[in-house]
Amino acid sequence: VTLTRAWCLFEIFVCVQRGIELEVIMPAAQMANFARALVDDFDSIAAALSRIALDEAEATKPEDKANILRAVEASVGLGKLDKQVLRELRAWLLQTGMEALAAEPENWGLTSAIGKLLHDQGRLGEAEP
């Protein structure tokens, strides 16, 4: 849901713009489900992070979305926001995936998915042999 909500995307963008570390917080049950999904279906999670588009995001109040879009267009533009939010979330996903892999080092599917993320982020040199 977060990736389809205009306010959430805007808040992530503001964190990036101001140099504030992104911290994703979930209730314990959701975090457990997410950790399991990282191991069982990493590719689907990574794919979801490639479909970020503020102009397609939803807001409860139409005027909120209009104000967010106006503010973004007046600063960096929609394309740059989408790219910055995507980059930040993919970095978070990589870190979270590496933590999951530390708990399950023999999970070759997760290892492969993390390798793809490292490659996509230009960080393949960080892959351990």
Foldseek 3Di string as FASTA:
>chain_A
DLLQALVSLLVLLVCLVVVHQDDDDDPPVVVVVVLVCLLVPVVVVLVVLVPHFNVRHDYPDPVVSVVSQVVCCVPPHRVVSSVSSSVNVLVVSLVSLVVSCVVVVPRVVSLVSSCVSCVVNVNNVPRDD
